[in-house]
Structures are given as structure tokens and as C-alpha cells.
Amino acid sequence: MQPINQVAVIGAGVMGSGIAAQFANAGIPVVLYEQHQQILDRALEGLLSRKPAALMDPSSLGLIQTALVGDWQKLTPCDWVIEVIVEDLEAKRKLYAKLEAHLPSHCLVSSNTSGILWSELTKNCGTEFKRRFAITHFFNPPRYMQLLEFVKGPDTDAETTQRLIDCCEQQLGKTVVIAEDTPGFIANRIGIFSILNGIQLAIKKNIKIEEADAITGRPLGMPKTGVFGLADLIGLDTIALIARNFRTQLAKYDYAQPVLGMPDLMEIMLRKGAIGRKIGRKGP
């Protein structure tokens, strides 16, 4: 089956730029899209200074070309477009409507959403778009996190599925796990519940942040950051959006509902713009 030779990534935030860097690491040229050039410039600068390093070799940055959203002619040579914008359903749908009109006939499309349903994302899309659309959920940081969740819909064709999985496994070195089209898929269905539940319990029990992270990290088989550190890494804004989506998607009686509200501490941080490491202003 034909390999992926060039990709486009729409969204130059921490995840989008990190995904672009991983394709560059694999020797695959990338077109990185954003709304404003200054965001693109900061993203490229950030890739050179990010710790741990996003690029295996700084010279790989040369494989990343930038473009402004709307300059869709640069999609022409791309085999795969990955949407990595804000975790907001309506924003994603609006983008797909624009993409449908300019997408090359050979080009596949996926979303990096961490939990919005395939069926919801493609609700207003045509049959041809749905045939070429899947969810490819990378984890942060993309260079170092081996796991990738893959979600297909009832209209995703077999060739789309196989080409994307082959690229992720053979060209990017990922371990692909097939997930069902259910809220949060696998990782976030467990992970967001665990993070928010752990934070709320720590606050309720008056446990210090450092102690809570020590307890909820390696001893529980979770990332060494612990729950507060992981929230800081993911970004409080992202967690808030995912939790909000869960509250609307999950049944009212679902076991996770009681812990899907953001603790007051995190709400205060959000209002202050202290959303985490990705902007240099830490969360909890």
C-alpha cells in the first residue's frame, strides 16, 4: 500500500507542532497551518528549544513548511491532513466544511481529538469526506509517547484505515490501539476521570500537591508527574474542555459524572490564564 509522503497539520499549538516535528523526524515533509504567522514563528522557535527535545536533529526543522489557514493550495501534494485545533466541536466542524471544498481527491483526513465522537465530528460532512476520515489521537509529547488511539467510523473505508495505521506504525513507530467511537475513547475515559478524581480527593483530604503527585505517579503505574503534574502538562484549558464534552456526552447516571466538574482551584487558575507549562504559567 502506498506510503504517506507528505502531510499537513492544522494547528500549531504544543500538540500540533509536536506532531509536525515527529513527521519531520521520520523524514516526512509537513505543512504546518495556523491562523497567524506569529503563532507559526513561535511554534518553530519552540521546537528548537523544547525539553525534552521534539526534534531528533535540529536540521529536521527544514522539513516543516508553514502556511496560513486559507492557503489551501499547499494541500495539493499532501497525502494526509491532521486537524489539531482546539477541542471544540463547532470549531472543528467549521474547519471540515472549509476542508471539504479544497481537499485533494487522494488526501486522507484525521482529527487528533482526545474524546469527541467520530459521529459528531462528521455529522455535517459528505459521504466522500467520511470515507477518508478517522481519528488519530497522539499523546503528548508525540516524539516520546508510543501510544496512538485510532477510531474509525461506519463510513471510514478499509484503505483509509490501513494506510493511516501503516503510517503510524511503520513510519512513525507508534503502537496503535483501536478504540470504539465512545466518549473519551480509552485513555481519556480513564485518564480525565483519574486526574480530576485524584485532584479533588487531594483537596478534600488536604494533601499537599507534592505528596499527591508522589502517591499518584509511579506507585499507581501512572506517569511520574502524578495527577497535578499531569494536569499541568496537558493544560488546564484542555482538561476543562474535555470534561465539559464528557458531561454532555455521558449519561447522567454515568459513574464519572460526579467528578467531571472543575475544582475551584483549577477554575481560579483558568481565569488567571495560568493554564500550565505550554504557556510558561503553571497550573495548580
C-alpha atoms as a PDB file:
ATOM      1  CA  MET A   1       0.000   0.000   0.000  1.00  0.00           C
ATOM      2  CA  GLN A   2       1.274   3.472  -0.901  1.00  0.00           C
ATOM      3  CA  PRO A   3       3.107   5.176   1.994  1.00  0.00           C
ATOM      4  CA  ILE A   4       2.350   8.670   3.243  1.00  0.00           C
ATOM      5  CA  ASN A   5       4.840  11.016   1.566  1.00  0.00           C
ATOM      6  CA  GLN A   6       3.709  14.431   2.805  1.00  0.00           C
ATOM      7  CA  VAL A   7       1.283  15.653   5.458  1.00  0.00           C
ATOM      8  CA  ALA A   8      -0.423  18.821   6.614  1.00  0.00           C
ATOM      9  CA  VAL A   9      -1.047  19.612  10.278  1.00  0.00           C
ATOM     10  CA  ILE A  10      -3.671  22.250  11.044  1.00  0.00           C
ATOM     11  CA  GLY A  11      -2.992  23.835  14.422  1.00  0.00           C
ATOM     12  CA  ALA A  12       0.466  24.882  15.624  1.00  0.00           C
ATOM     13  CA  GLY A  13      -0.026  24.630  19.371  1.00  0.00           C
ATOM     14  CA  VAL A  14       2.003  22.316  21.573  1.00  0.00           C
ATOM     15  CA  MET A  15       0.413  19.167  20.154  1.00  0.00           C
ATOM     16  CA  GLY A  16       0.170  20.287  16.545  1.00  0.00           C
ATOM     17  CA  SER A  17       3.771  21.447  16.352  1.00  0.00           C
ATOM     18  CA  GLY A  18       4.901  18.331  18.237  1.00  0.00           C
ATOM     19  CA  ILE A  19       3.104  16.068  15.757  1.00  0.00           C
ATOM     20  CA  ALA A  20       4.644  18.014  12.867  1.00  0.00           C
ATOM     21  CA  ALA A  21       8.066  17.526  14.449  1.00  0.00           C
ATOM     22  CA  GLN A  22       7.553  13.780  14.701  1.00  0.00           C
ATOM     23  CA  PHE A  23       6.747  13.539  10.997  1.00  0.00           C
ATOM     24  CA  ALA A  24       9.868  15.588  10.296  1.00  0.00           C
ATOM     25  CA  ASN A  25      11.829  13.164  12.492  1.00  0.00           C
ATOM     26  CA  ALA A  26      10.601  10.403  10.179  1.00  0.00           C
ATOM     27  CA  GLY A  27      11.793  12.340   7.124  1.00  0.00           C
ATOM     28  CA  ILE A  28       8.259  13.242   6.008  1.00  0.00           C
ATOM     29  CA  PRO A  29       7.701  16.841   4.809  1.00  0.00           C
ATOM     30  CA  VAL A  30       4.993  18.770   6.679  1.00  0.00           C
ATOM     31  CA  VAL A  31       2.872  21.837   6.002  1.00  0.00           C
ATOM     32  CA  LEU A  32       2.019  23.376   9.382  1.00  0.00           C
ATOM     33  CA  TYR A  33      -1.066  25.633   9.362  1.00  0.00           C
ATOM     34  CA  GLU A  34      -2.197  28.355  11.747  1.00  0.00           C
ATOM     35  CA  GLN A  35      -4.339  31.493  11.740  1.00  0.00           C
ATOM     36  CA  HIS A  36      -1.457  33.937  12.282  1.00  0.00           C
ATOM     37  CA  GLN A  37       2.158  33.940  11.180  1.00  0.00           C
ATOM     38  CA  GLN A  38       3.456  34.963  14.605  1.00  0.00           C
ATOM     39  CA  ILE A  39       1.971  31.781  16.078  1.00  0.00           C
ATOM     40  CA  LEU A  40       3.777  29.752  13.427  1.00  0.00           C
ATOM     41  CA  ASP A  41       7.046  31.569  14.093  1.00  0.00           C
ATOM     42  CA  ARG A  42       6.767  30.920  17.831  1.00  0.00           C
ATOM     43  CA  ALA A  43       5.936  27.275  17.171  1.00  0.00           C
ATOM     44  CA  LEU A  44       9.065  26.716  15.092  1.00  0.00           C
ATOM     45  CA  GLU A  45      11.233  28.545  17.625  1.00  0.00           C
ATOM     46  CA  GLY A  46       9.683  26.464  20.388  1.00  0.00           C
ATOM     47  CA  LEU A  47      10.522  23.202  18.643  1.00  0.00           C
ATOM     48  CA  LEU A  48      14.206  24.092  18.744  1.00  0.00           C
ATOM     49  CA  SER A  49      14.167  24.809  22.485  1.00  0.00           C
ATOM     50  CA  ARG A  50      11.570  22.298  23.735  1.00  0.00           C
ATOM     51  CA  LYS A  51      12.584  19.955  26.531  1.00  0.00           C
ATOM     52  CA  PRO A  52      12.618  17.049  26.086  1.00  0.00           C
ATOM     53  CA  ALA A  53      13.675  17.730  22.515  1.00  0.00           C
ATOM     54  CA  ALA A  54      10.887  17.406  19.956  1.00  0.00           C
ATOM     55  CA  LEU A  55      13.321  17.062  17.068  1.00  0.00           C
ATOM     56  CA  MET A  56      15.898  14.284  16.782  1.00  0.00           C
ATOM     57  CA  ASP A  57      18.089  16.648  14.753  1.00  0.00           C
ATOM     58  CA  PRO A  58      17.544  20.435  14.587  1.00  0.00           C
ATOM     59  CA  SER A  59      18.092  20.288  10.829  1.00  0.00           C
ATOM     60  CA  SER A  60      14.799  18.374  10.519  1.00  0.00           C
ATOM     61  CA  LEU A  61      13.038  21.687  11.132  1.00  0.00           C
ATOM     62  CA  GLY A  62      13.709  22.362   7.458  1.00  0.00           C
ATOM     63  CA  LEU A  63      11.101  19.741   6.577  1.00  0.00           C
ATOM     64  CA  ILE A  64       8.360  21.853   8.194  1.00  0.00           C
ATOM     65  CA  GLN A  65       6.834  24.447   5.896  1.00  0.00           C
ATOM     66  CA  THR A  66       4.358  26.964   7.318  1.00  0.00           C
ATOM     67  CA  ALA A  67       1.098  28.241   5.864  1.00  0.00           C
ATOM     68  CA  LEU A  68      -1.818  30.364   6.966  1.00  0.00           C
ATOM     69  CA  VAL A  69      -5.272  28.822   7.224  1.00  0.00           C
ATOM     70  CA  GLY A  70      -6.989  29.546   3.944  1.00  0.00           C
ATOM     71  CA  ASP A  71      -3.904  28.946   1.804  1.00  0.00           C
ATOM     72  CA  TRP A  72      -5.311  25.569   0.800  1.00  0.00           C
ATOM     73  CA  GLN A  73      -3.254  25.246  -2.405  1.00  0.00           C
ATOM     74  CA  LYS A  74      -0.419  23.939  -0.252  1.00  0.00           C
ATOM     75  CA  LEU A  75      -2.553  20.867   0.481  1.00  0.00           C
ATOM     76  CA  THR A  76      -2.179  19.679  -3.125  1.00  0.00           C
ATOM     77  CA  PRO A  77       0.856  17.398  -2.577  1.00  0.00           C
ATOM     78  CA  CYS A  78      -0.319  16.172   0.844  1.00  0.00           C
ATOM     79  CA  ASP A  79      -1.489  12.608   1.415  1.00  0.00           C
ATOM     80  CA  TRP A  80      -2.867  13.212   4.894  1.00  0.00           C
ATOM     81  CA  VAL A  81      -4.276  16.242   6.744  1.00  0.00           C
ATOM     82  CA  ILE A  82      -4.362  16.124  10.550  1.00  0.00           C
ATOM     83  CA  GLU A  83      -6.595  18.551  12.423  1.00  0.00           C
ATOM     84  CA  VAL A  84      -5.119  19.573  15.783  1.00  0.00           C
ATOM     85  CA  ILE A  85      -7.158  22.640  16.734  1.00  0.00           C
ATOM     86  CA  VAL A  86      -8.960  23.500  19.968  1.00  0.00           C
ATOM     87  CA  GLU A  87     -11.083  20.715  21.475  1.00  0.00           C
ATOM     88  CA  ASP A  88     -14.329  22.366  20.441  1.00  0.00           C
ATOM     89  CA  LEU A  89     -16.883  20.548  18.283  1.00  0.00           C
ATOM     90  CA  GLU A  90     -18.237  23.558  16.411  1.00  0.00           C
ATOM     91  CA  ALA A  91     -14.757  24.889  15.617  1.00  0.00           C
ATOM     92  CA  LYS A  92     -13.781  21.523  14.171  1.00  0.00           C
ATOM     93  CA  ARG A  93     -16.968  21.256  12.098  1.00  0.00           C
ATOM     94  CA  LYS A  94     -16.401  24.703  10.614  1.00  0.00           C
ATOM     95  CA  LEU A  95     -12.876  23.724   9.633  1.00  0.00           C
ATOM     96  CA  TYR A  96     -14.051  20.493   7.995  1.00  0.00           C
ATOM     97  CA  ALA A  97     -16.603  22.433   5.943  1.00  0.00           C
ATOM     98  CA  LYS A  98     -13.747  24.517   4.536  1.00  0.00           C
ATOM     99  CA  LEU A  99     -11.523  21.496   4.000  1.00  0.00           C
ATOM    100  CA  GLU A 100     -14.188  19.599   2.070  1.00  0.00           C
ATOM    101  CA  ALA A 101     -14.170  22.248  -0.630  1.00  0.00           C
ATOM    102  CA  HIS A 102     -10.385  22.191  -1.094  1.00  0.00           C
ATOM    103  CA  LEU A 103      -9.246  18.690  -0.161  1.00  0.00           C
ATOM    104  CA  PRO A 104      -7.313  16.874  -2.924  1.00  0.00           C
ATOM    105  CA  SER A 105      -9.096  13.704  -4.035  1.00  0.00           C
ATOM    106  CA  HIS A 106      -6.254  11.456  -2.837  1.00  0.00           C
ATOM    107  CA  CYS A 107      -5.891  13.060   0.599  1.00  0.00           C
ATOM    108  CA  LEU A 108      -6.906  11.401   3.876  1.00  0.00           C
ATOM    109  CA  VAL A 109      -8.077  13.384   6.914  1.00  0.00           C
ATOM    110  CA  SER A 110      -7.976  12.754  10.645  1.00  0.00           C
ATOM    111  CA  SER A 111      -8.586  14.556  13.896  1.00  0.00           C
ATOM    112  CA  ASN A 112      -6.328  14.491  16.927  1.00  0.00           C
ATOM    113  CA  THR A 113      -9.337  14.898  19.209  1.00  0.00           C
ATOM    114  CA  SER A 114      -8.898  13.157  22.528  1.00  0.00           C
ATOM    115  CA  GLY A 115     -12.540  12.345  23.007  1.00  0.00           C
ATOM    116  CA  ILE A 116     -15.084  13.927  20.652  1.00  0.00           C
ATOM    117  CA  LEU A 117     -17.022  11.264  18.772  1.00  0.00           C
ATOM    118  CA  TRP A 118     -16.327  10.459  15.101  1.00  0.00           C
ATOM    119  CA  SER A 119     -20.078  10.536  14.533  1.00  0.00           C
ATOM    120  CA  GLU A 120     -20.350  14.056  15.986  1.00  0.00           C
ATOM    121  CA  LEU A 121     -17.329  15.421  14.136  1.00  0.00           C
ATOM    122  CA  THR A 122     -18.606  14.243  10.739  1.00  0.00           C
ATOM    123  CA  LYS A 123     -22.310  14.936  11.273  1.00  0.00           C
ATOM    124  CA  ASN A 124     -22.427  17.668   8.597  1.00  0.00           C
ATOM    125  CA  CYS A 125     -19.856  16.125   6.246  1.00  0.00           C
ATOM    126  CA  GLY A 126     -20.452  14.451   2.907  1.00  0.00           C
ATOM    127  CA  THR A 127     -20.046  10.753   2.179  1.00  0.00           C
ATOM    128  CA  GLU A 128     -16.697  11.161   0.420  1.00  0.00           C
ATOM    129  CA  PHE A 129     -15.215  13.090   3.355  1.00  0.00           C
ATOM    130  CA  LYS A 130     -16.459  10.475   5.829  1.00  0.00           C
ATOM    131  CA  ARG A 131     -14.908   7.717   3.722  1.00  0.00           C
ATOM    132  CA  ARG A 132     -11.479   9.310   4.141  1.00  0.00           C
ATOM    133  CA  PHE A 133     -11.864  10.454   7.765  1.00  0.00           C
ATOM    134  CA  ALA A 134     -10.673   8.846  11.004  1.00  0.00           C
ATOM    135  CA  ILE A 135      -9.454   9.874  14.458  1.00  0.00           C
ATOM    136  CA  THR A 136      -5.731   9.555  15.216  1.00  0.00           C
ATOM    137  CA  HIS A 137      -5.159  10.583  18.812  1.00  0.00           C
ATOM    138  CA  PHE A 138      -1.474  11.243  19.519  1.00  0.00           C
ATOM    139  CA  PHE A 139      -0.247  11.685  23.084  1.00  0.00           C
ATOM    140  CA  ASN A 140       1.983  14.420  24.482  1.00  0.00           C
ATOM    141  CA  PRO A 141       4.895  14.611  23.812  1.00  0.00           C
ATOM    142  CA  PRO A 142       4.387  12.971  20.389  1.00  0.00           C
ATOM    143  CA  ARG A 143       8.033  12.019  19.950  1.00  0.00           C
ATOM    144  CA  TYR A 144       8.207  10.048  23.188  1.00  0.00           C
ATOM    145  CA  MET A 145       4.691   8.694  23.758  1.00  0.00           C
ATOM    146  CA  GLN A 146       4.382   5.481  21.780  1.00  0.00           C
ATOM    147  CA  LEU A 147       0.635   5.025  22.120  1.00  0.00           C
ATOM    148  CA  LEU A 148      -1.777   6.219  19.439  1.00  0.00           C
ATOM    149  CA  GLU A 149      -5.535   5.713  19.606  1.00  0.00           C
ATOM    150  CA  PHE A 150      -7.274   5.061  16.290  1.00  0.00           C
ATOM    151  CA  VAL A 151     -11.016   5.446  15.832  1.00  0.00           C
ATOM    152  CA  LYS A 152     -12.851   4.769  12.592  1.00  0.00           C
ATOM    153  CA  GLY A 153     -16.485   5.344  11.781  1.00  0.00           C
ATOM    154  CA  PRO A 154     -19.019   3.220   9.933  1.00  0.00           C
ATOM    155  CA  ASP A 155     -18.195   5.062   6.684  1.00  0.00           C
ATOM    156  CA  THR A 156     -14.392   5.034   7.000  1.00  0.00           C
ATOM    157  CA  ASP A 157     -13.202   2.766   4.223  1.00  0.00           C
ATOM    158  CA  ALA A 158     -10.712  -0.056   4.624  1.00  0.00           C
ATOM    159  CA  GLU A 159      -7.984   1.616   2.581  1.00  0.00           C
ATOM    160  CA  THR A 160      -8.109   4.776   4.696  1.00  0.00           C
ATOM    161  CA  THR A 161      -7.869   2.705   7.863  1.00  0.00           C
ATOM    162  CA  GLN A 162      -4.965   0.597   6.635  1.00  0.00           C
ATOM    163  CA  ARG A 163      -2.933   3.462   5.171  1.00  0.00           C
ATOM    164  CA  LEU A 164      -3.190   5.542   8.331  1.00  0.00           C
ATOM    165  CA  ILE A 165      -2.385   2.643  10.648  1.00  0.00           C
ATOM    166  CA  ASP A 166       0.538   1.582   8.452  1.00  0.00           C
ATOM    167  CA  CYS A 167       1.951   5.115   8.526  1.00  0.00           C
ATOM    168  CA  CYS A 168       1.561   5.420  12.283  1.00  0.00           C
ATOM    169  CA  GLU A 169       3.156   2.054  12.969  1.00  0.00           C
ATOM    170  CA  GLN A 170       5.754   1.710  10.231  1.00  0.00           C
ATOM    171  CA  GLN A 171       6.755   5.309   9.529  1.00  0.00           C
ATOM    172  CA  LEU A 172       6.206   6.941  12.940  1.00  0.00           C
ATOM    173  CA  GLY A 173       6.928   3.913  15.150  1.00  0.00           C
ATOM    174  CA  LYS A 174       3.661   4.117  17.095  1.00  0.00           C
ATOM    175  CA  THR A 175       1.752   1.356  18.852  1.00  0.00           C
ATOM    176  CA  VAL A 176      -1.768   1.743  17.501  1.00  0.00           C
ATOM    177  CA  VAL A 177      -4.739   0.758  19.644  1.00  0.00           C
ATOM    178  CA  ILE A 178      -8.161   0.558  18.002  1.00  0.00           C
ATOM    179  CA  ALA A 179     -10.789   2.324  20.118  1.00  0.00           C
ATOM    180  CA  GLU A 180     -14.550   2.432  19.835  1.00  0.00           C
ATOM    181  CA  ASP A 181     -16.369   5.647  18.962  1.00  0.00           C
ATOM    182  CA  THR A 182     -17.368   6.340  22.553  1.00  0.00           C
ATOM    183  CA  PRO A 183     -16.750   9.456  24.694  1.00  0.00           C
ATOM    184  CA  GLY A 184     -13.075   9.741  25.620  1.00  0.00           C
ATOM    185  CA  PHE A 185     -12.198   6.572  23.715  1.00  0.00           C
ATOM    186  CA  ILE A 186      -9.959   4.545  26.057  1.00  0.00           C
ATOM    187  CA  ALA A 187      -7.205   6.734  27.504  1.00  0.00           C
ATOM    188  CA  ASN A 188      -9.189   9.841  28.389  1.00  0.00           C
ATOM    189  CA  ARG A 189     -12.209   7.862  29.533  1.00  0.00           C
ATOM    190  CA  ILE A 190      -9.911   6.575  32.255  1.00  0.00           C
ATOM    191  CA  GLY A 191      -7.379   9.397  32.407  1.00  0.00           C
ATOM    192  CA  ILE A 192      -9.555  12.501  32.831  1.00  0.00           C
ATOM    193  CA  PHE A 193     -11.609  10.713  35.473  1.00  0.00           C
ATOM    194  CA  SER A 194      -8.403   9.695  37.278  1.00  0.00           C
ATOM    195  CA  ILE A 195      -6.855  13.171  37.122  1.00  0.00           C
ATOM    196  CA  LEU A 196      -9.930  15.057  38.328  1.00  0.00           C
ATOM    197  CA  ASN A 197     -10.815  12.435  40.921  1.00  0.00           C
ATOM    198  CA  GLY A 198      -7.253  12.456  42.277  1.00  0.00           C
ATOM    199  CA  ILE A 199      -7.113  16.248  42.441  1.00  0.00           C
ATOM    200  CA  GLN A 200     -10.493  16.507  44.139  1.00  0.00           C
ATOM    201  CA  LEU A 201      -9.570  13.851  46.710  1.00  0.00           C
ATOM    202  CA  ALA A 202      -6.246  15.572  47.431  1.00  0.00           C
ATOM    203  CA  ILE A 203      -8.032  18.880  48.023  1.00  0.00           C
ATOM    204  CA  LYS A 204     -10.711  17.240  50.156  1.00  0.00           C
ATOM    205  CA  LYS A 205      -8.127  15.380  52.265  1.00  0.00           C
ATOM    206  CA  ASN A 206      -5.853  18.432  52.477  1.00  0.00           C
ATOM    207  CA  ILE A 207      -2.945  16.570  50.868  1.00  0.00           C
ATOM    208  CA  LYS A 208      -0.105  18.727  49.560  1.00  0.00           C
ATOM    209  CA  ILE A 209       0.405  18.850  45.799  1.00  0.00           C
ATOM    210  CA  GLU A 210       3.885  17.307  46.023  1.00  0.00           C
ATOM    211  CA  GLU A 211       2.576  14.474  48.189  1.00  0.00           C
ATOM    212  CA  ALA A 212      -0.398  13.830  45.920  1.00  0.00           C
ATOM    213  CA  ASP A 213       1.874  13.652  42.870  1.00  0.00           C
ATOM    214  CA  ALA A 214       4.252  11.271  44.642  1.00  0.00           C
ATOM    215  CA  ILE A 215       1.369   8.971  45.554  1.00  0.00           C
ATOM    216  CA  THR A 216      -0.465   9.077  42.217  1.00  0.00           C
ATOM    217  CA  GLY A 217       2.552   8.734  39.930  1.00  0.00           C
ATOM    218  CA  ARG A 218       4.726   5.649  39.588  1.00  0.00           C
ATOM    219  CA  PRO A 219       3.232   3.807  42.615  1.00  0.00           C
ATOM    220  CA  LEU A 220      -0.082   3.577  40.717  1.00  0.00           C
ATOM    221  CA  GLY A 221       1.518   2.827  37.357  1.00  0.00           C
ATOM    222  CA  MET A 222       0.679   6.318  36.083  1.00  0.00           C
ATOM    223  CA  PRO A 223       3.015   8.955  34.589  1.00  0.00           C
ATOM    224  CA  LYS A 224       5.641  10.044  37.111  1.00  0.00           C
ATOM    225  CA  THR A 225       4.212  13.576  37.075  1.00  0.00           C
ATOM    226  CA  GLY A 226       1.264  12.492  39.246  1.00  0.00           C
ATOM    227  CA  VAL A 227      -2.214  13.999  38.843  1.00  0.00           C
ATOM    228  CA  PHE A 228      -1.358  17.659  39.426  1.00  0.00           C
ATOM    229  CA  GLY A 229       1.774  17.476  37.285  1.00  0.00           C
ATOM    230  CA  LEU A 230      -0.103  15.712  34.515  1.00  0.00           C
ATOM    231  CA  ALA A 231      -2.842  18.358  34.567  1.00  0.00           C
ATOM    232  CA  ASP A 232      -0.110  20.989  34.302  1.00  0.00           C
ATOM    233  CA  LEU A 233       1.437  19.162  31.333  1.00  0.00           C
ATOM    234  CA  ILE A 234      -1.833  18.627  29.454  1.00  0.00           C
ATOM    235  CA  GLY A 235      -3.098  22.133  30.187  1.00  0.00           C
ATOM    236  CA  LEU A 236      -5.988  23.128  32.418  1.00  0.00           C
ATOM    237  CA  ASP A 237      -7.824  24.605  29.443  1.00  0.00           C
ATOM    238  CA  THR A 238      -7.692  21.297  27.594  1.00  0.00           C
ATOM    239  CA  ILE A 239      -8.840  19.340  30.639  1.00  0.00           C
ATOM    240  CA  ALA A 240     -11.733  21.758  31.142  1.00  0.00           C
ATOM    241  CA  LEU A 241     -12.854  21.344  27.521  1.00  0.00           C
ATOM    242  CA  ILE A 242     -12.623  17.544  27.670  1.00  0.00           C
ATOM    243  CA  ALA A 243     -14.515  17.436  30.967  1.00  0.00           C
ATOM    244  CA  ARG A 244     -17.199  19.710  29.529  1.00  0.00           C
ATOM    245  CA  ASN A 245     -17.578  17.449  26.496  1.00  0.00           C
ATOM    246  CA  PHE A 246     -17.832  14.405  28.761  1.00  0.00           C
ATOM    247  CA  ARG A 247     -20.574  15.978  30.849  1.00  0.00           C
ATOM    248  CA  THR A 248     -22.742  16.412  27.757  1.00  0.00           C
ATOM    249  CA  GLN A 249     -21.859  13.112  26.067  1.00  0.00           C
ATOM    250  CA  LEU A 250     -22.085  10.729  29.006  1.00  0.00           C
ATOM    251  CA  ALA A 251     -25.330   9.541  30.546  1.00  0.00           C
ATOM    252  CA  LYS A 252     -26.422  11.495  33.618  1.00  0.00           C
ATOM    253  CA  TYR A 253     -26.064   8.363  35.737  1.00  0.00           C
ATOM    254  CA  ASP A 254     -22.547   7.555  34.484  1.00  0.00           C
ATOM    255  CA  TYR A 255     -20.054   6.872  37.271  1.00  0.00           C
ATOM    256  CA  ALA A 256     -17.752   9.658  36.064  1.00  0.00           C
ATOM    257  CA  GLN A 257     -20.305  12.487  36.213  1.00  0.00           C
ATOM    258  CA  PRO A 258     -19.731  13.420  39.906  1.00  0.00           C
ATOM    259  CA  VAL A 259     -16.044  14.206  39.312  1.00  0.00           C
ATOM    260  CA  LEU A 260     -16.255  15.963  35.929  1.00  0.00           C
ATOM    261  CA  GLY A 261     -16.677  19.428  37.412  1.00  0.00           C
ATOM    262  CA  MET A 262     -13.505  21.522  37.631  1.00  0.00           C
ATOM    263  CA  PRO A 263     -12.313  22.113  41.223  1.00  0.00           C
ATOM    264  CA  ASP A 264     -12.415  25.737  42.408  1.00  0.00           C
ATOM    265  CA  LEU A 265      -8.610  25.845  42.478  1.00  0.00           C
ATOM    266  CA  MET A 266      -8.431  24.986  38.773  1.00  0.00           C
ATOM    267  CA  GLU A 267     -11.193  27.439  37.896  1.00  0.00           C
ATOM    268  CA  ILE A 268      -9.201  30.229  39.560  1.00  0.00           C
ATOM    269  CA  MET A 269      -6.101  29.242  37.586  1.00  0.00           C
ATOM    270  CA  LEU A 270      -8.109  29.214  34.360  1.00  0.00           C
ATOM    271  CA  ARG A 271      -9.447  32.724  34.981  1.00  0.00           C
ATOM    272  CA  LYS A 272      -5.910  33.947  35.599  1.00  0.00           C
ATOM    273  CA  GLY A 273      -4.666  32.324  32.404  1.00  0.00           C
ATOM    274  CA  ALA A 274      -2.291  30.070  34.349  1.00  0.00           C
ATOM    275  CA  ILE A 275      -3.157  27.008  32.290  1.00  0.00           C
ATOM    276  CA  GLY A 276       0.135  25.127  32.533  1.00  0.00           C
ATOM    277  CA  ARG A 277       3.551  24.534  31.104  1.00  0.00           C
ATOM    278  CA  LYS A 278       2.611  25.144  27.479  1.00  0.00           C
ATOM    279  CA  ILE A 279       2.485  28.910  28.081  1.00  0.00           C
ATOM    280  CA  GLY A 280       5.040  29.020  30.874  1.00  0.00           C
ATOM    281  CA  ARG A 281       2.470  29.792  33.583  1.00  0.00           C
ATOM    282  CA  LYS A 282       1.931  26.778  35.751  1.00  0.00           C
ATOM    283  CA  GLY A 283      -1.388  25.441  36.863  1.00  0.00           C
ATOM    284  CA  PRO A 284      -2.052  24.005  40.330  1.00  0.00           C
END
